[in-house]
Amino acid sequence: MNALSALFSIAARLVLAVASLVLFLALLAAGLVIFGVVLLWSLIRGRKPTLHTATFQRAAQFRSQAFRAGGMGAAGRAPRGEVIDAEVREVPDATPADPRLER
């Protein structure tokens, strides 16, 4: 009975491994087909295919800020200039002094 159980276990693992490999290859093929269709579509429309890496650049900037000297990133920096406390008041509508500003 023990040999039958071991044989069944090996067969189940083999079936699972083959199914995983088939799923991986199917997803890979689907990705390549989608990539090819998008590439052809951009070439038919006359546009150069581009790779948008702005998200990765933004993440790299955040990562570099987090590990700067001081360890606190952008929040730990000393203020660069003098802080000015200004009272808020409403400015009445007036004609601008510079005629270039009138539009």
PDB file of N, CA and C in Angstrom:
ATOM      1  N   MET A   1       0.812  -1.185   0.000  1.00  0.00           N
ATOM      2  CA  MET A   1       0.000   0.000   0.000  1.00  0.00           C
ATOM      3  C   MET A   1       0.864   1.261   0.000  1.00  0.00           C
ATOM      4  N   ASN A   2       2.012   1.169   0.677  1.00  0.00           N
ATOM      5  CA  ASN A   2       2.912   2.307   0.761  1.00  0.00           C
ATOM      6  C   ASN A   2       3.517   2.629  -0.604  1.00  0.00           C
ATOM      7  N   ALA A   3       3.837   1.626  -1.389  1.00  0.00           N
ATOM      8  CA  ALA A   3       4.406   1.846  -2.720  1.00  0.00           C
ATOM      9  C   ALA A   3       3.375   2.486  -3.639  1.00  0.00           C
ATOM     10  N   LEU A   4       2.127   2.088  -3.497  1.00  0.00           N
ATOM     11  CA  LEU A   4       1.065   2.663  -4.309  1.00  0.00           C
ATOM     12  C   LEU A   4       0.865   4.145  -3.966  1.00  0.00           C
ATOM     13  N   SER A   5       0.946   4.471  -2.706  1.00  0.00           N
ATOM     14  CA  SER A   5       0.822   5.858  -2.261  1.00  0.00           C
ATOM     15  C   SER A   5       1.978   6.707  -2.788  1.00  0.00           C
ATOM     16  N   ALA A   6       3.203   6.182  -2.752  1.00  0.00           N
ATOM     17  CA  ALA A   6       4.366   6.898  -3.261  1.00  0.00           C
ATOM     18  C   ALA A   6       4.256   7.096  -4.764  1.00  0.00           C
ATOM     19  N   LEU A   7       3.793   6.080  -5.484  1.00  0.00           N
ATOM     20  CA  LEU A   7       3.619   6.182  -6.929  1.00  0.00           C
ATOM     21  C   LEU A   7       2.569   7.240  -7.278  1.00  0.00           C
ATOM     22  N   PHE A   8       1.460   7.240  -6.523  1.00  0.00           N
ATOM     23  CA  PHE A   8       0.413   8.235  -6.747  1.00  0.00           C
ATOM     24  C   PHE A   8       0.931   9.649  -6.457  1.00  0.00           C
ATOM     25  N   SER A   9       1.734   9.807  -5.426  1.00  0.00           N
ATOM     26  CA  SER A   9       2.304  11.108  -5.065  1.00  0.00           C
ATOM     27  C   SER A   9       3.253  11.614  -6.156  1.00  0.00           C
ATOM     28  N   ILE A  10       4.081  10.737  -6.674  1.00  0.00           N
ATOM     29  CA  ILE A  10       5.011  11.119  -7.749  1.00  0.00           C
ATOM     30  C   ILE A  10       4.232  11.504  -9.005  1.00  0.00           C
ATOM     31  N   ALA A  11       3.186  10.747  -9.329  1.00  0.00           N
ATOM     32  CA  ALA A  11       2.384  11.047 -10.507  1.00  0.00           C
ATOM     33  C   ALA A  11       1.673  12.392 -10.344  1.00  0.00           C
ATOM     34  N   ALA A  12       1.164  12.678  -9.148  1.00  0.00           N
ATOM     35  CA  ALA A  12       0.480  13.953  -8.909  1.00  0.00           C
ATOM     36  C   ALA A  12       1.455  15.118  -9.024  1.00  0.00           C
ATOM     37  N   ARG A  13       2.650  14.964  -8.499  1.00  0.00           N
ATOM     38  CA  ARG A  13       3.661  16.021  -8.611  1.00  0.00           C
ATOM     39  C   ARG A  13       4.073  16.243 -10.059  1.00  0.00           C
ATOM     40  N   LEU A  14       4.197  15.167 -10.812  1.00  0.00           N
ATOM     41  CA  LEU A  14       4.559  15.274 -12.215  1.00  0.00           C
ATOM     42  C   LEU A  14       3.459  15.987 -13.008  1.00  0.00           C
ATOM     43  N   VAL A  15       2.208  15.639 -12.758  1.00  0.00           N
ATOM     44  CA  VAL A  15       1.089  16.291 -13.438  1.00  0.00           C
ATOM     45  C   VAL A  15       1.048  17.774 -13.069  1.00  0.00           C
ATOM     46  N   LEU A  16       1.266  18.096 -11.807  1.00  0.00           N
ATOM     47  CA  LEU A  16       1.264  19.486 -11.366  1.00  0.00           C
ATOM     48  C   LEU A  16       2.414  20.272 -12.005  1.00  0.00           C
ATOM     49  N   ALA A  17       3.588  19.667 -12.103  1.00  0.00           N
ATOM     50  CA  ALA A  17       4.731  20.337 -12.719  1.00  0.00           C
ATOM     51  C   ALA A  17       4.479  20.584 -14.210  1.00  0.00           C
ATOM     52  N   VAL A  18       3.926  19.612 -14.906  1.00  0.00           N
ATOM     53  CA  VAL A  18       3.628  19.769 -16.334  1.00  0.00           C
ATOM     54  C   VAL A  18       2.552  20.836 -16.528  1.00  0.00           C
ATOM     55  N   ALA A  19       1.527  20.841 -15.678  1.00  0.00           N
ATOM     56  CA  ALA A  19       0.467  21.847 -15.786  1.00  0.00           C
ATOM     57  C   ALA A  19       1.025  23.245 -15.520  1.00  0.00           C
ATOM     58  N   SER A  20       1.927  23.372 -14.561  1.00  0.00           N
ATOM     59  CA  SER A  20       2.545  24.674 -14.284  1.00  0.00           C
ATOM     60  C   SER A  20       3.386  25.137 -15.467  1.00  0.00           C
ATOM     61  N   LEU A  21       4.120  24.234 -16.060  1.00  0.00           N
ATOM     62  CA  LEU A  21       4.939  24.573 -17.223  1.00  0.00           C
ATOM     63  C   LEU A  21       4.068  25.002 -18.403  1.00  0.00           C
ATOM     64  N   VAL A  22       2.967  24.305 -18.628  1.00  0.00           N
ATOM     65  CA  VAL A  22       2.057  24.654 -19.715  1.00  0.00           C
ATOM     66  C   VAL A  22       1.434  26.024 -19.468  1.00  0.00           C
ATOM     67  N   LEU A  23       1.036  26.296 -18.220  1.00  0.00           N
ATOM     68  CA  LEU A  23       0.463  27.601 -17.891  1.00  0.00           C
ATOM     69  C   LEU A  23       1.484  28.716 -18.096  1.00  0.00           C
ATOM     70  N   PHE A  24       2.721  28.492 -17.666  1.00  0.00           N
ATOM     71  CA  PHE A  24       3.783  29.483 -17.853  1.00  0.00           C
ATOM     72  C   PHE A  24       4.024  29.764 -19.327  1.00  0.00           C
ATOM     73  N   LEU A  25       4.114  28.720 -20.130  1.00  0.00           N
ATOM     74  CA  LEU A  25       4.352  28.902 -21.569  1.00  0.00           C
ATOM     75  C   LEU A  25       3.169  29.582 -22.248  1.00  0.00           C
ATOM     76  N   ALA A  26       1.947  29.294 -21.809  1.00  0.00           N
ATOM     77  CA  ALA A  26       0.775  29.944 -22.389  1.00  0.00           C
ATOM     78  C   ALA A  26       0.771  31.433 -22.053  1.00  0.00           C
ATOM     79  N   LEU A  27       1.093  31.789 -20.825  1.00  0.00           N
ATOM     80  CA  LEU A  27       1.152  33.203 -20.450  1.00  0.00           C
ATOM     81  C   LEU A  27       2.283  33.926 -21.179  1.00  0.00           C
ATOM     82  N   LEU A  28       3.407  33.259 -21.339  1.00  0.00           N
ATOM     83  CA  LEU A  28       4.521  33.846 -22.074  1.00  0.00           C
ATOM     84  C   LEU A  28       4.144  34.085 -23.532  1.00  0.00           C
ATOM     85  N   ALA A  29       3.493  33.120 -24.143  1.00  0.00           N
ATOM     86  CA  ALA A  29       3.075  33.266 -25.533  1.00  0.00           C
ATOM     87  C   ALA A  29       2.038  34.383 -25.668  1.00  0.00           C
ATOM     88  N   ALA A  30       1.101  34.466 -24.721  1.00  0.00           N
ATOM     89  CA  ALA A  30       0.096  35.534 -24.764  1.00  0.00           C
ATOM     90  C   ALA A  30       0.759  36.901 -24.637  1.00  0.00           C
ATOM     91  N   GLY A  31       1.735  37.023 -23.758  1.00  0.00           N
ATOM     92  CA  GLY A  31       2.450  38.293 -23.609  1.00  0.00           C
ATOM     93  C   GLY A  31       3.202  38.676 -24.871  1.00  0.00           C
ATOM     94  N   LEU A  32       3.842  37.707 -25.502  1.00  0.00           N
ATOM     95  CA  LEU A  32       4.570  37.985 -26.743  1.00  0.00           C
ATOM     96  C   LEU A  32       3.625  38.370 -27.877  1.00  0.00           C
ATOM     97  N   VAL A  33       2.470  37.726 -27.939  1.00  0.00           N
ATOM     98  CA  VAL A  33       1.489  38.062 -28.983  1.00  0.00           C
ATOM     99  C   VAL A  33       0.959  39.474 -28.755  1.00  0.00           C
ATOM    100  N   ILE A  34       0.640  39.815 -27.512  1.00  0.00           N
ATOM    101  CA  ILE A  34       0.150  41.163 -27.211  1.00  0.00           C
ATOM    102  C   ILE A  34       1.221  42.195 -27.527  1.00  0.00           C
ATOM    103  N   PHE A  35       2.454  41.915 -27.175  1.00  0.00           N
ATOM    104  CA  PHE A  35       3.556  42.826 -27.487  1.00  0.00           C
ATOM    105  C   PHE A  35       3.684  43.025 -28.996  1.00  0.00           C
ATOM    106  N   GLY A  36       3.592  41.943 -29.750  1.00  0.00           N
ATOM    107  CA  GLY A  36       3.695  42.043 -31.201  1.00  0.00           C
ATOM    108  C   GLY A  36       2.551  42.834 -31.812  1.00  0.00           C
ATOM    109  N   VAL A  37       1.342  42.639 -31.303  1.00  0.00           N
ATOM    110  CA  VAL A  37       0.194  43.380 -31.828  1.00  0.00           C
ATOM    111  C   VAL A  37       0.340  44.866 -31.529  1.00  0.00           C
ATOM    112  N   VAL A  38       0.749  45.214 -30.314  1.00  0.00           N
ATOM    113  CA  VAL A  38       0.933  46.627 -29.959  1.00  0.00           C
ATOM    114  C   VAL A  38       2.058  47.238 -30.793  1.00  0.00           C
ATOM    115  N   LEU A  39       3.131  46.497 -31.013  1.00  0.00           N
ATOM    116  CA  LEU A  39       4.227  46.984 -31.835  1.00  0.00           C
ATOM    117  C   LEU A  39       3.775  47.222 -33.268  1.00  0.00           C
ATOM    118  N   LEU A  40       3.062  46.279 -33.845  1.00  0.00           N
ATOM    119  CA  LEU A  40       2.561  46.456 -35.215  1.00  0.00           C
ATOM    120  C   LEU A  40       1.573  47.615 -35.300  1.00  0.00           C
ATOM    121  N   TRP A  41       0.704  47.739 -34.319  1.00  0.00           N
ATOM    122  CA  TRP A  41      -0.275  48.822 -34.316  1.00  0.00           C
ATOM    123  C   TRP A  41       0.414  50.187 -34.267  1.00  0.00           C
ATOM    124  N   SER A  42       1.456  50.313 -33.461  1.00  0.00           N
ATOM    125  CA  SER A  42       2.161  51.593 -33.392  1.00  0.00           C
ATOM    126  C   SER A  42       2.920  51.872 -34.685  1.00  0.00           C
ATOM    127  N   LEU A  43       3.459  50.847 -35.305  1.00  0.00           N
ATOM    128  CA  LEU A  43       4.162  51.050 -36.570  1.00  0.00           C
ATOM    129  C   LEU A  43       3.202  51.367 -37.713  1.00  0.00           C
ATOM    130  N   ILE A  44       2.020  50.765 -37.696  1.00  0.00           N
ATOM    131  CA  ILE A  44       1.019  51.067 -38.723  1.00  0.00           C
ATOM    132  C   ILE A  44       0.560  52.513 -38.597  1.00  0.00           C
ATOM    133  N   ARG A  45       0.398  52.997 -37.382  1.00  0.00           N
ATOM    134  CA  ARG A  45      -0.033  54.379 -37.165  1.00  0.00           C
ATOM    135  C   ARG A  45       1.095  55.373 -37.405  1.00  0.00           C
ATOM    136  N   GLY A  46       2.297  54.887 -37.612  1.00  0.00           N
ATOM    137  CA  GLY A  46       3.420  55.766 -37.912  1.00  0.00           C
ATOM    138  C   GLY A  46       4.087  56.358 -36.686  1.00  0.00           C
ATOM    139  N   ARG A  47       3.906  55.748 -35.555  1.00  0.00           N
ATOM    140  CA  ARG A  47       4.525  56.256 -34.328  1.00  0.00           C
ATOM    141  C   ARG A  47       5.627  55.316 -33.880  1.00  0.00           C
ATOM    142  N   LYS A  48       6.657  55.907 -33.340  1.00  0.00           N
ATOM    143  CA  LYS A  48       7.773  55.104 -32.857  1.00  0.00           C
ATOM    144  C   LYS A  48       7.378  54.450 -31.528  1.00  0.00           C
ATOM    145  N   PRO A  49       7.558  53.149 -31.404  1.00  0.00           N
ATOM    146  CA  PRO A  49       7.227  52.496 -30.138  1.00  0.00           C
ATOM    147  C   PRO A  49       8.162  52.991 -29.029  1.00  0.00           C
ATOM    148  N   THR A  50       7.581  53.372 -27.901  1.00  0.00           N
ATOM    149  CA  THR A  50       8.382  53.878 -26.790  1.00  0.00           C
ATOM    150  C   THR A  50       8.117  53.048 -25.544  1.00  0.00           C
ATOM    151  N   LEU A  51       9.090  53.045 -24.686  1.00  0.00           N
ATOM    152  CA  LEU A  51       8.971  52.375 -23.401  1.00  0.00           C
ATOM    153  C   LEU A  51       8.861  53.459 -22.339  1.00  0.00           C
ATOM    154  N   HIS A  52       7.751  53.510 -21.639  1.00  0.00           N
ATOM    155  CA  HIS A  52       7.527  54.551 -20.638  1.00  0.00           C
ATOM    156  C   HIS A  52       8.160  54.121 -19.315  1.00  0.00           C
ATOM    157  N   THR A  53       9.220  54.820 -18.944  1.00  0.00           N
ATOM    158  CA  THR A  53       9.925  54.470 -17.710  1.00  0.00           C
ATOM    159  C   THR A  53       9.809  55.559 -16.657  1.00  0.00           C
ATOM    160  N   ALA A  54       8.870  56.483 -16.824  1.00  0.00           N
ATOM    161  CA  ALA A  54       8.745  57.588 -15.870  1.00  0.00           C
ATOM    162  C   ALA A  54       8.401  57.071 -14.477  1.00  0.00           C
ATOM    163  N   THR A  55       7.595  56.031 -14.395  1.00  0.00           N
ATOM    164  CA  THR A  55       7.223  55.487 -13.093  1.00  0.00           C
ATOM    165  C   THR A  55       8.447  54.927 -12.377  1.00  0.00           C
ATOM    166  N   PHE A  56       9.301  54.253 -13.102  1.00  0.00           N
ATOM    167  CA  PHE A  56      10.497  53.686 -12.495  1.00  0.00           C
ATOM    168  C   PHE A  56      11.458  54.794 -12.057  1.00  0.00           C
ATOM    169  N   GLN A  57      11.554  55.876 -12.844  1.00  0.00           N
ATOM    170  CA  GLN A  57      12.427  56.987 -12.474  1.00  0.00           C
ATOM    171  C   GLN A  57      11.917  57.669 -11.212  1.00  0.00           C
ATOM    172  N   ARG A  58      10.589  57.853 -11.122  1.00  0.00           N
ATOM    173  CA  ARG A  58      10.006  58.480  -9.944  1.00  0.00           C
ATOM    174  C   ARG A  58      10.257  57.616  -8.702  1.00  0.00           C
ATOM    175  N   ALA A  59      10.121  56.315  -8.830  1.00  0.00           N
ATOM    176  CA  ALA A  59      10.372  55.422  -7.703  1.00  0.00           C
ATOM    177  C   ALA A  59      11.840  55.478  -7.293  1.00  0.00           C
ATOM    178  N   ALA A  60      12.747  55.587  -8.250  1.00  0.00           N
ATOM    179  CA  ALA A  60      14.170  55.689  -7.926  1.00  0.00           C
ATOM    180  C   ALA A  60      14.472  56.989  -7.205  1.00  0.00           C
ATOM    181  N   GLN A  61      13.792  58.078  -7.571  1.00  0.00           N
ATOM    182  CA  GLN A  61      13.993  59.348  -6.872  1.00  0.00           C
ATOM    183  C   GLN A  61      13.517  59.253  -5.432  1.00  0.00           C
ATOM    184  N   PHE A  62      12.356  58.649  -5.214  1.00  0.00           N
ATOM    185  CA  PHE A  62      11.856  58.490  -3.851  1.00  0.00           C
ATOM    186  C   PHE A  62      12.797  57.626  -3.026  1.00  0.00           C
ATOM    187  N   ARG A  63      13.325  56.587  -3.653  1.00  0.00           N
ATOM    188  CA  ARG A  63      14.230  55.690  -2.942  1.00  0.00           C
ATOM    189  C   ARG A  63      15.518  56.409  -2.575  1.00  0.00           C
ATOM    190  N   SER A  64      16.031  57.258  -3.489  1.00  0.00           N
ATOM    191  CA  SER A  64      17.271  57.967  -3.192  1.00  0.00           C
ATOM    192  C   SER A  64      17.052  59.019  -2.112  1.00  0.00           C
ATOM    193  N   GLN A  65      15.860  59.626  -2.056  1.00  0.00           N
ATOM    194  CA  GLN A  65      15.574  60.598  -1.005  1.00  0.00           C
ATOM    195  C   GLN A  65      15.481  59.922   0.354  1.00  0.00           C
ATOM    196  N   ALA A  66      14.985  58.711   0.386  1.00  0.00           N
ATOM    197  CA  ALA A  66      14.796  58.026   1.661  1.00  0.00           C
ATOM    198  C   ALA A  66      16.123  57.639   2.297  1.00  0.00           C
ATOM    199  N   PHE A  67      17.162  57.451   1.503  1.00  0.00           N
ATOM    200  CA  PHE A  67      18.427  56.977   2.049  1.00  0.00           C
ATOM    201  C   PHE A  67      19.515  58.039   2.020  1.00  0.00           C
ATOM    202  N   ARG A  68      19.142  59.303   1.981  1.00  0.00           N
ATOM    203  CA  ARG A  68      20.138  60.375   2.037  1.00  0.00           C
ATOM    204  C   ARG A  68      20.693  60.492   3.439  1.00  0.00           C
ATOM    205  N   ALA A  69      21.725  61.344   3.568  1.00  0.00           N
ATOM    206  CA  ALA A  69      22.330  61.569   4.882  1.00  0.00           C
ATOM    207  C   ALA A  69      21.270  62.114   5.824  1.00  0.00           C
ATOM    208  N   GLY A  70      21.230  61.611   7.022  1.00  0.00           N
ATOM    209  CA  GLY A  70      20.225  62.011   7.988  1.00  0.00           C
ATOM    210  C   GLY A  70      19.143  60.959   8.119  1.00  0.00           C
ATOM    211  N   GLY A  71      18.947  60.181   7.076  1.00  0.00           N
ATOM    212  CA  GLY A  71      18.029  59.068   7.150  1.00  0.00           C
ATOM    213  C   GLY A  71      16.556  59.432   7.145  1.00  0.00           C
ATOM    214  N   MET A  72      16.208  60.716   7.032  1.00  0.00           N
ATOM    215  CA  MET A  72      14.809  61.078   7.091  1.00  0.00           C
ATOM    216  C   MET A  72      14.269  61.512   5.742  1.00  0.00           C
ATOM    217  N   GLY A  73      15.082  61.520   4.721  1.00  0.00           N
ATOM    218  CA  GLY A  73      14.614  61.887   3.394  1.00  0.00           C
ATOM    219  C   GLY A  73      14.284  63.369   3.309  1.00  0.00           C
ATOM    220  N   ALA A  74      13.260  63.692   2.534  1.00  0.00           N
ATOM    221  CA  ALA A  74      12.913  65.090   2.295  1.00  0.00           C
ATOM    222  C   ALA A  74      12.395  65.768   3.559  1.00  0.00           C
ATOM    223  N   ALA A  75      11.766  65.021   4.458  1.00  0.00           N
ATOM    224  CA  ALA A  75      11.196  65.624   5.663  1.00  0.00           C
ATOM    225  C   ALA A  75      12.275  66.028   6.655  1.00  0.00           C
ATOM    226  N   GLY A  76      13.454  65.468   6.587  1.00  0.00           N
ATOM    227  CA  GLY A  76      14.489  65.752   7.556  1.00  0.00           C
ATOM    228  C   GLY A  76      15.432  66.868   7.162  1.00  0.00           C
ATOM    229  N   ARG A  77      15.217  67.481   6.016  1.00  0.00           N
ATOM    230  CA  ARG A  77      16.120  68.537   5.567  1.00  0.00           C
ATOM    231  C   ARG A  77      15.903  69.819   6.343  1.00  0.00           C
ATOM    232  N   ALA A  78      16.975  70.575   6.504  1.00  0.00           N
ATOM    233  CA  ALA A  78      16.867  71.890   7.127  1.00  0.00           C
ATOM    234  C   ALA A  78      16.250  72.851   6.135  1.00  0.00           C
ATOM    235  N   PRO A  79      15.497  73.857   6.621  1.00  0.00           N
ATOM    236  CA  PRO A  79      14.913  74.816   5.686  1.00  0.00           C
ATOM    237  C   PRO A  79      15.988  75.586   4.947  1.00  0.00           C
ATOM    238  N   ARG A  80      15.755  75.843   3.676  1.00  0.00           N
ATOM    239  CA  ARG A  80      16.763  76.495   2.847  1.00  0.00           C
ATOM    240  C   ARG A  80      16.712  78.009   2.945  1.00  0.00           C
ATOM    241  N   GLY A  81      15.572  78.556   3.288  1.00  0.00           N
ATOM    242  CA  GLY A  81      15.452  80.004   3.327  1.00  0.00           C
ATOM    243  C   GLY A  81      14.742  80.447   4.590  1.00  0.00           C
ATOM    244  N   GLU A  82      14.533  81.740   4.682  1.00  0.00           N
ATOM    245  CA  GLU A  82      13.865  82.304   5.842  1.00  0.00           C
ATOM    246  C   GLU A  82      12.360  82.125   5.690  1.00  0.00           C
ATOM    247  N   VAL A  83      11.697  81.784   6.785  1.00  0.00           N
ATOM    248  CA  VAL A  83      10.255  81.625   6.771  1.00  0.00           C
ATOM    249  C   VAL A  83       9.629  82.981   7.043  1.00  0.00           C
ATOM    250  N   ILE A  84       8.721  83.412   6.195  1.00  0.00           N
ATOM    251  CA  ILE A  84       8.087  84.722   6.319  1.00  0.00           C
ATOM    252  C   ILE A  84       6.614  84.513   6.624  1.00  0.00           C
ATOM    253  N   ASP A  85       6.141  85.172   7.670  1.00  0.00           N
ATOM    254  CA  ASP A  85       4.738  85.104   8.029  1.00  0.00           C
ATOM    255  C   ASP A  85       4.045  86.299   7.397  1.00  0.00           C
ATOM    256  N   ALA A  86       3.191  86.056   6.428  1.00  0.00           N
ATOM    257  CA  ALA A  86       2.525  87.144   5.719  1.00  0.00           C
ATOM    258  C   ALA A  86       1.040  87.106   6.021  1.00  0.00           C
ATOM    259  N   GLU A  87       0.466  88.282   6.220  1.00  0.00           N
ATOM    260  CA  GLU A  87      -0.961  88.375   6.457  1.00  0.00           C
ATOM    261  C   GLU A  87      -1.681  88.336   5.118  1.00  0.00           C
ATOM    262  N   VAL A  88      -2.730  87.561   5.046  1.00  0.00           N
ATOM    263  CA  VAL A  88      -3.484  87.416   3.811  1.00  0.00           C
ATOM    264  C   VAL A  88      -4.521  88.520   3.745  1.00  0.00           C
ATOM    265  N   ARG A  89      -4.583  89.195   2.606  1.00  0.00           N
ATOM    266  CA  ARG A  89      -5.601  90.223   2.402  1.00  0.00           C
ATOM    267  C   ARG A  89      -6.099  90.142   0.975  1.00  0.00           C
ATOM    268  N   GLU A  90      -7.293  90.644   0.771  1.00  0.00           N
ATOM    269  CA  GLU A  90      -7.894  90.595  -0.554  1.00  0.00           C
ATOM    270  C   GLU A  90      -7.424  91.784  -1.365  1.00  0.00           C
ATOM    271  N   VAL A  91      -7.055  91.550  -2.613  1.00  0.00           N
ATOM    272  CA  VAL A  91      -6.591  92.599  -3.503  1.00  0.00           C
ATOM    273  C   VAL A  91      -7.755  93.003  -4.389  1.00  0.00           C
ATOM    274  N   PRO A  92      -8.103  94.294  -4.402  1.00  0.00           N
ATOM    275  CA  PRO A  92      -9.234  94.715  -5.238  1.00  0.00           C
ATOM    276  C   PRO A  92      -8.876  94.624  -6.716  1.00  0.00           C
ATOM    277  N   ASP A  93      -9.915  94.468  -7.536  1.00  0.00           N
ATOM    278  CA  ASP A  93      -9.693  94.424  -8.983  1.00  0.00           C
ATOM    279  C   ASP A  93      -9.187  95.781  -9.454  1.00  0.00           C
ATOM    280  N   ALA A  94      -8.086  95.781 -10.138  1.00  0.00           N
ATOM    281  CA  ALA A  94      -7.503  97.009 -10.648  1.00  0.00           C
ATOM    282  C   ALA A  94      -6.928  96.738 -12.018  1.00  0.00           C
ATOM    283  N   THR A  95      -6.743  97.769 -12.776  1.00  0.00           N
ATOM    284  CA  THR A  95      -6.139  97.589 -14.090  1.00  0.00           C
ATOM    285  C   THR A  95      -4.651  97.362 -13.912  1.00  0.00           C
ATOM    286  N   PRO A  96      -4.084  96.448 -14.641  1.00  0.00           N
ATOM    287  CA  PRO A  96      -2.661  96.187 -14.481  1.00  0.00           C
ATOM    288  C   PRO A  96      -1.812  97.361 -14.989  1.00  0.00           C
ATOM    289  N   ALA A  97      -0.705  97.590 -14.317  1.00  0.00           N
ATOM    290  CA  ALA A  97       0.184  98.674 -14.691  1.00  0.00           C
ATOM    291  C   ALA A  97       0.907  98.369 -15.994  1.00  0.00           C
ATOM    292  N   ASP A  98       1.165  97.111 -16.272  1.00  0.00           N
ATOM    293  CA  ASP A  98       1.875  96.714 -17.468  1.00  0.00           C
ATOM    294  C   ASP A  98       0.876  96.353 -18.564  1.00  0.00           C
ATOM    295  N   PRO A  99       0.875  97.050 -19.692  1.00  0.00           N
ATOM    296  CA  PRO A  99      -0.117  96.751 -20.743  1.00  0.00           C
ATOM    297  C   PRO A  99       0.070  95.359 -21.354  1.00  0.00           C
ATOM    298  N   ARG A 100       1.227  94.740 -21.201  1.00  0.00           N
ATOM    299  CA  ARG A 100       1.439  93.394 -21.736  1.00  0.00           C
ATOM    300  C   ARG A 100       0.630  92.358 -20.980  1.00  0.00           C
ATOM    301  N   LEU A 101       0.246  92.681 -19.733  1.00  0.00           N
ATOM    302  CA  LEU A 101      -0.515  91.727 -18.932  1.00  0.00           C
ATOM    303  C   LEU A 101      -1.987  91.715 -19.295  1.00  0.00           C
ATOM    304  N   GLU A 102      -2.461  92.722 -19.999  1.00  0.00           N
ATOM    305  CA  GLU A 102      -3.869  92.782 -20.392  1.00  0.00           C
ATOM    306  C   GLU A 102      -4.101  91.845 -21.575  1.00  0.00           C
ATOM    307  N   ARG A 103      -5.024  90.957 -21.428  1.00  0.00           N
ATOM    308  CA  ARG A 103      -5.355  90.052 -22.524  1.00  0.00           C
ATOM    309  C   ARG A 103      -6.817  89.730 -22.477  1.00  0.00           C
TER     310      ARG A 103
END
